[in-house]
Amino acid sequence: MLNYRLLQLLAPLNFRDERRTEPLPDYLARVVPLVPAIPENVLAQWIYRHWRGFESNWSFLDLASHRFECEHWPTDRIIEQIDSRHMEVIARWQELFCHNRYVRRSWLGADMLSRGSWPEPIIVLASGVDSRYSDDPLLPQPYCLLEGHHRLAYLRAMVAEGVPLQPCHQIWICRPVHGS
């Protein structure tokens, strides 16, 4: 069952005012004890940095009944198995990475080109056969992208261009804990 009080506590304080939003170190100090099973990197990269998107798109997930594991996946598995309801946006960012020098030279584009991977793991949900979004469409299978749309797009562009890549890339997998 979704814990609405916990969801309220996960929100960064003063998130509506960027000038007064709770600093990340303060946020982690406050929130980590509330959700010790959620890695700090996941809290920082997904819930803190993208609170509004998390709240509107993913708050239906009962995070207390999920566990996160960091895995290393080869590029071809990432391309073949990770999907999103926003693949058209990912395709557009992929195209921009290939054809727009400003996107390619952005901090993220330049970083990924130099390291052959992403600077932070993307986050995906291991979605079950009948898993659905809160507005009822089925979730992409077998893995649904939660966070890291730009990174996935840039990696796909780098593959298409034949850019040298690391053999594996870090990914946070969010899996349901059965029986919870």
C-alpha atoms as a PDB file:
ATOM      1  CA  MET A   1       0.000   0.000   0.000  1.00  0.00           C
ATOM      2  CA  LEU A   2       1.243   3.456  -0.887  1.00  0.00           C
ATOM      3  CA  ASN A   3       2.242   5.535   2.120  1.00  0.00           C
ATOM      4  CA  TYR A   4       1.045   9.089   1.385  1.00  0.00           C
ATOM      5  CA  ARG A   5       2.658  10.505   4.523  1.00  0.00           C
ATOM      6  CA  LEU A   6       6.027   9.108   3.426  1.00  0.00           C
ATOM      7  CA  LEU A   7       5.488  10.603  -0.018  1.00  0.00           C
ATOM      8  CA  GLN A   8       4.947  14.024   1.571  1.00  0.00           C
ATOM      9  CA  LEU A   9       8.128  13.626   3.616  1.00  0.00           C
ATOM     10  CA  LEU A  10      10.157  12.762   0.500  1.00  0.00           C
ATOM     11  CA  ALA A  11       9.450  16.152  -1.057  1.00  0.00           C
ATOM     12  CA  PRO A  12      12.393  18.577  -0.825  1.00  0.00           C
ATOM     13  CA  LEU A  13      11.456  21.395   1.543  1.00  0.00           C
ATOM     14  CA  ASN A  14      10.441  24.584  -0.284  1.00  0.00           C
ATOM     15  CA  PHE A  15      10.702  22.816  -3.669  1.00  0.00           C
ATOM     16  CA  ARG A  16       8.323  25.340  -5.239  1.00  0.00           C
ATOM     17  CA  ASP A  17      10.880  28.146  -4.761  1.00  0.00           C
ATOM     18  CA  GLU A  18      14.239  27.244  -6.354  1.00  0.00           C
ATOM     19  CA  ARG A  19      15.980  29.991  -4.382  1.00  0.00           C
ATOM     20  CA  ARG A  20      14.849  28.461  -1.100  1.00  0.00           C
ATOM     21  CA  THR A  21      14.806  24.741  -1.910  1.00  0.00           C
ATOM     22  CA  GLU A  22      16.355  22.567   0.742  1.00  0.00           C
ATOM     23  CA  PRO A  23      20.038  21.920  -0.147  1.00  0.00           C
ATOM     24  CA  LEU A  24      20.835  18.351  -1.211  1.00  0.00           C
ATOM     25  CA  PRO A  25      23.050  17.544   1.838  1.00  0.00           C
ATOM     26  CA  ASP A  26      20.259  18.692   4.184  1.00  0.00           C
ATOM     27  CA  TYR A  27      17.689  16.729   2.186  1.00  0.00           C
ATOM     28  CA  LEU A  28      19.735  13.525   2.378  1.00  0.00           C
ATOM     29  CA  ALA A  29      20.368  13.981   6.113  1.00  0.00           C
ATOM     30  CA  ARG A  30      16.613  14.322   6.656  1.00  0.00           C
ATOM     31  CA  VAL A  31      15.316  11.680   4.240  1.00  0.00           C
ATOM     32  CA  VAL A  32      17.852   8.812   4.334  1.00  0.00           C
ATOM     33  CA  PRO A  33      16.750   7.706   7.848  1.00  0.00           C
ATOM     34  CA  LEU A  34      13.128   7.597   6.617  1.00  0.00           C
ATOM     35  CA  VAL A  35      13.911   5.333   3.634  1.00  0.00           C
ATOM     36  CA  PRO A  36      17.150   3.471   4.381  1.00  0.00           C
ATOM     37  CA  ALA A  37      16.407   0.938   1.614  1.00  0.00           C
ATOM     38  CA  ILE A  38      16.593   3.628  -1.096  1.00  0.00           C
ATOM     39  CA  PRO A  39      20.221   4.371  -2.052  1.00  0.00           C
ATOM     40  CA  GLU A  40      21.395   7.970  -1.608  1.00  0.00           C
ATOM     41  CA  ASN A  41      22.249   8.198  -5.321  1.00  0.00           C
ATOM     42  CA  VAL A  42      18.645   7.276  -6.228  1.00  0.00           C
ATOM     43  CA  LEU A  43      17.271   9.795  -3.747  1.00  0.00           C
ATOM     44  CA  ALA A  44      19.558  12.538  -5.120  1.00  0.00           C
ATOM     45  CA  GLN A  45      19.312  11.838  -8.864  1.00  0.00           C
ATOM     46  CA  TRP A  46      15.645  10.923  -9.117  1.00  0.00           C
ATOM     47  CA  ILE A  47      13.521  12.044  -6.213  1.00  0.00           C
ATOM     48  CA  TYR A  48      15.373  15.228  -5.177  1.00  0.00           C
ATOM     49  CA  ARG A  49      16.529  16.537  -8.581  1.00  0.00           C
ATOM     50  CA  HIS A  50      13.279  15.645 -10.354  1.00  0.00           C
ATOM     51  CA  TRP A  51      10.738  15.973  -7.561  1.00  0.00           C
ATOM     52  CA  ARG A  52       7.920  17.403  -9.670  1.00  0.00           C
ATOM     53  CA  GLY A  53       8.342  14.723 -12.324  1.00  0.00           C
ATOM     54  CA  PHE A  54       8.661  12.015  -9.688  1.00  0.00           C
ATOM     55  CA  GLU A  55       5.546  13.212  -7.897  1.00  0.00           C
ATOM     56  CA  SER A  56       3.419  13.526 -11.034  1.00  0.00           C
ATOM     57  CA  ASN A  57       4.671  10.429 -12.895  1.00  0.00           C
ATOM     58  CA  TRP A  58       5.870   7.905 -10.326  1.00  0.00           C
ATOM     59  CA  SER A  59       4.271   8.626  -6.961  1.00  0.00           C
ATOM     60  CA  PHE A  60       1.912   5.694  -7.552  1.00  0.00           C
ATOM     61  CA  LEU A  61       4.872   3.346  -6.955  1.00  0.00           C
ATOM     62  CA  ASP A  62       4.961   2.087  -3.394  1.00  0.00           C
ATOM     63  CA  LEU A  63       8.721   2.422  -2.915  1.00  0.00           C
ATOM     64  CA  ALA A  64       8.506   0.624   0.430  1.00  0.00           C
ATOM     65  CA  SER A  65       7.653  -2.540  -1.507  1.00  0.00           C
ATOM     66  CA  HIS A  66      10.605  -2.199  -3.921  1.00  0.00           C
ATOM     67  CA  ARG A  67      14.347  -2.704  -3.619  1.00  0.00           C
ATOM     68  CA  PHE A  68      17.127  -1.061  -5.610  1.00  0.00           C
ATOM     69  CA  GLU A  69      20.174  -2.912  -6.899  1.00  0.00           C
ATOM     70  CA  CYS A  70      23.057  -1.422  -8.828  1.00  0.00           C
ATOM     71  CA  GLU A  71      24.038  -3.592 -11.787  1.00  0.00           C
ATOM     72  CA  HIS A  72      26.467  -3.325 -14.696  1.00  0.00           C
ATOM     73  CA  TRP A  73      24.865  -3.998 -18.068  1.00  0.00           C
ATOM     74  CA  PRO A  74      26.417  -4.264 -21.521  1.00  0.00           C
ATOM     75  CA  THR A  75      25.317  -1.652 -24.044  1.00  0.00           C
ATOM     76  CA  ASP A  76      23.335  -4.054 -26.228  1.00  0.00           C
ATOM     77  CA  ARG A  77      21.210  -5.175 -23.277  1.00  0.00           C
ATOM     78  CA  ILE A  78      20.446  -1.556 -22.416  1.00  0.00           C
ATOM     79  CA  ILE A  79      19.382  -0.787 -25.989  1.00  0.00           C
ATOM     80  CA  GLU A  80      17.280  -3.951 -26.302  1.00  0.00           C
ATOM     81  CA  GLN A  81      15.570  -4.113 -22.910  1.00  0.00           C
ATOM     82  CA  ILE A  82      15.024  -0.573 -21.594  1.00  0.00           C
ATOM     83  CA  ASP A  83      11.936   1.155 -22.912  1.00  0.00           C
ATOM     84  CA  SER A  84       9.956   4.269 -22.024  1.00  0.00           C
ATOM     85  CA  ARG A  85       6.555   5.736 -22.708  1.00  0.00           C
ATOM     86  CA  HIS A  86       8.575   8.744 -23.939  1.00  0.00           C
ATOM     87  CA  MET A  87      10.671   7.042 -26.622  1.00  0.00           C
ATOM     88  CA  GLU A  88       9.853   9.839 -29.085  1.00  0.00           C
ATOM     89  CA  VAL A  89      11.510  12.332 -26.717  1.00  0.00           C
ATOM     90  CA  ILE A  90      14.508  10.040 -26.321  1.00  0.00           C
ATOM     91  CA  ALA A  91      14.730   9.729 -30.121  1.00  0.00           C
ATOM     92  CA  ARG A  92      14.631  13.532 -30.448  1.00  0.00           C
ATOM     93  CA  TRP A  93      17.460  13.979 -27.902  1.00  0.00           C
ATOM     94  CA  GLN A  94      19.390  11.266 -29.715  1.00  0.00           C
ATOM     95  CA  GLU A  95      18.989  13.188 -32.969  1.00  0.00           C
ATOM     96  CA  LEU A  96      20.023  16.453 -31.316  1.00  0.00           C
ATOM     97  CA  PHE A  97      23.126  14.822 -29.866  1.00  0.00           C
ATOM     98  CA  CYS A  98      24.130  13.678 -33.356  1.00  0.00           C
ATOM     99  CA  HIS A  99      23.410  16.945 -35.171  1.00  0.00           C
ATOM    100  CA  ASN A 100      23.628  19.818 -32.691  1.00  0.00           C
ATOM    101  CA  ARG A 101      27.100  20.797 -31.541  1.00  0.00           C
ATOM    102  CA  TYR A 102      25.752  22.675 -28.510  1.00  0.00           C
ATOM    103  CA  VAL A 103      24.032  19.547 -27.219  1.00  0.00           C
ATOM    104  CA  ARG A 104      27.100  17.460 -28.001  1.00  0.00           C
ATOM    105  CA  ARG A 105      29.354  19.958 -26.169  1.00  0.00           C
ATOM    106  CA  SER A 106      27.021  20.306 -23.177  1.00  0.00           C
ATOM    107  CA  TRP A 107      28.501  19.166 -19.878  1.00  0.00           C
ATOM    108  CA  LEU A 108      26.641  15.848 -20.144  1.00  0.00           C
ATOM    109  CA  GLY A 109      27.402  15.245 -23.823  1.00  0.00           C
ATOM    110  CA  ALA A 110      31.088  16.048 -23.428  1.00  0.00           C
ATOM    111  CA  ASP A 111      31.338  13.957 -20.258  1.00  0.00           C
ATOM    112  CA  MET A 112      29.722  10.917 -21.853  1.00  0.00           C
ATOM    113  CA  LEU A 113      31.896  11.194 -24.969  1.00  0.00           C
ATOM    114  CA  SER A 114      35.049  11.353 -22.856  1.00  0.00           C
ATOM    115  CA  ARG A 115      34.172   8.454 -20.532  1.00  0.00           C
ATOM    116  CA  GLY A 116      32.206   6.242 -22.948  1.00  0.00           C
ATOM    117  CA  SER A 117      29.377   5.939 -20.430  1.00  0.00           C
ATOM    118  CA  TRP A 118      27.201   8.089 -18.199  1.00  0.00           C
ATOM    119  CA  PRO A 119      28.373   9.922 -15.076  1.00  0.00           C
ATOM    120  CA  GLU A 120      25.531   8.573 -12.893  1.00  0.00           C
ATOM    121  CA  PRO A 121      23.545   5.357 -13.269  1.00  0.00           C
ATOM    122  CA  ILE A 122      20.168   5.592 -14.943  1.00  0.00           C
ATOM    123  CA  ILE A 123      17.227   4.190 -12.968  1.00  0.00           C
ATOM    124  CA  VAL A 124      14.849   1.578 -14.374  1.00  0.00           C
ATOM    125  CA  LEU A 125      11.879  -0.342 -13.060  1.00  0.00           C
ATOM    126  CA  ALA A 126      11.649  -4.096 -13.583  1.00  0.00           C
ATOM    127  CA  SER A 127       8.030  -4.044 -14.676  1.00  0.00           C
ATOM    128  CA  GLY A 128       5.767  -7.045 -14.364  1.00  0.00           C
ATOM    129  CA  VAL A 129       3.615  -8.321 -17.206  1.00  0.00           C
ATOM    130  CA  ASP A 130       0.517  -6.561 -15.860  1.00  0.00           C
ATOM    131  CA  SER A 131       2.249  -3.471 -14.410  1.00  0.00           C
ATOM    132  CA  ARG A 132       0.457  -0.245 -15.290  1.00  0.00           C
ATOM    133  CA  TYR A 133       0.905   3.506 -15.040  1.00  0.00           C
ATOM    134  CA  SER A 134      -1.468   5.323 -12.707  1.00  0.00           C
ATOM    135  CA  ASP A 135      -3.501   6.441 -15.769  1.00  0.00           C
ATOM    136  CA  ASP A 136      -3.790   2.739 -16.766  1.00  0.00           C
ATOM    137  CA  PRO A 137      -1.564   2.055 -19.827  1.00  0.00           C
ATOM    138  CA  LEU A 138       0.766  -0.902 -19.453  1.00  0.00           C
ATOM    139  CA  LEU A 139       4.329  -0.102 -18.425  1.00  0.00           C
ATOM    140  CA  PRO A 140       7.040  -0.840 -20.999  1.00  0.00           C
ATOM    141  CA  GLN A 141       8.561  -4.309 -20.703  1.00  0.00           C
ATOM    142  CA  PRO A 142      10.845  -5.725 -19.434  1.00  0.00           C
ATOM    143  CA  TYR A 143      12.426  -2.538 -18.008  1.00  0.00           C
ATOM    144  CA  CYS A 144      10.793   0.866 -17.814  1.00  0.00           C
ATOM    145  CA  LEU A 145      13.044   3.930 -17.679  1.00  0.00           C
ATOM    146  CA  LEU A 146      12.346   5.985 -14.551  1.00  0.00           C
ATOM    147  CA  GLU A 147      15.197   8.503 -14.701  1.00  0.00           C
ATOM    148  CA  GLY A 148      17.970   9.170 -17.215  1.00  0.00           C
ATOM    149  CA  HIS A 149      16.201  10.040 -20.466  1.00  0.00           C
ATOM    150  CA  HIS A 150      18.998  12.317 -21.729  1.00  0.00           C
ATOM    151  CA  ARG A 151      21.693   9.802 -20.790  1.00  0.00           C
ATOM    152  CA  LEU A 152      19.877   6.970 -22.545  1.00  0.00           C
ATOM    153  CA  ALA A 153      19.376   9.132 -25.647  1.00  0.00           C
ATOM    154  CA  TYR A 154      23.044  10.137 -25.747  1.00  0.00           C
ATOM    155  CA  LEU A 155      24.185   6.539 -25.275  1.00  0.00           C
ATOM    156  CA  ARG A 156      21.922   5.434 -28.136  1.00  0.00           C
ATOM    157  CA  ALA A 157      23.402   8.213 -30.303  1.00  0.00           C
ATOM    158  CA  MET A 158      26.925   7.165 -29.411  1.00  0.00           C
ATOM    159  CA  VAL A 159      26.103   3.570 -30.397  1.00  0.00           C
ATOM    160  CA  ALA A 160      24.653   4.740 -33.720  1.00  0.00           C
ATOM    161  CA  GLU A 161      27.819   6.767 -34.405  1.00  0.00           C
ATOM    162  CA  GLY A 162      30.194   3.968 -33.406  1.00  0.00           C
ATOM    163  CA  VAL A 163      31.744   5.980 -30.566  1.00  0.00           C
ATOM    164  CA  PRO A 164      34.018   3.832 -28.343  1.00  0.00           C
ATOM    165  CA  LEU A 165      32.082   2.839 -25.217  1.00  0.00           C
ATOM    166  CA  GLN A 166      32.818   1.186 -21.916  1.00  0.00           C
ATOM    167  CA  PRO A 167      31.907  -2.514 -22.041  1.00  0.00           C
ATOM    168  CA  CYS A 168      29.263  -2.063 -19.297  1.00  0.00           C
ATOM    169  CA  HIS A 169      27.275   0.767 -17.736  1.00  0.00           C
ATOM    170  CA  GLN A 170      25.899   1.151 -14.212  1.00  0.00           C
ATOM    171  CA  ILE A 171      22.137   0.967 -13.801  1.00  0.00           C
ATOM    172  CA  TRP A 172      19.904   1.107 -10.743  1.00  0.00           C
ATOM    173  CA  ILE A 173      17.206  -1.563 -11.015  1.00  0.00           C
ATOM    174  CA  CYS A 174      14.044  -1.000  -8.978  1.00  0.00           C
ATOM    175  CA  ARG A 175      12.398  -4.384  -8.375  1.00  0.00           C
ATOM    176  CA  PRO A 176       9.199  -5.196  -6.536  1.00  0.00           C
ATOM    177  CA  VAL A 177       9.654  -7.185  -3.355  1.00  0.00           C
ATOM    178  CA  HIS A 178       7.092  -9.968  -3.545  1.00  0.00           C
ATOM    179  CA  GLY A 179       5.104 -10.684  -0.440  1.00  0.00           C
ATOM    180  CA  SER A 180       5.310  -7.102   0.896  1.00  0.00           C
END
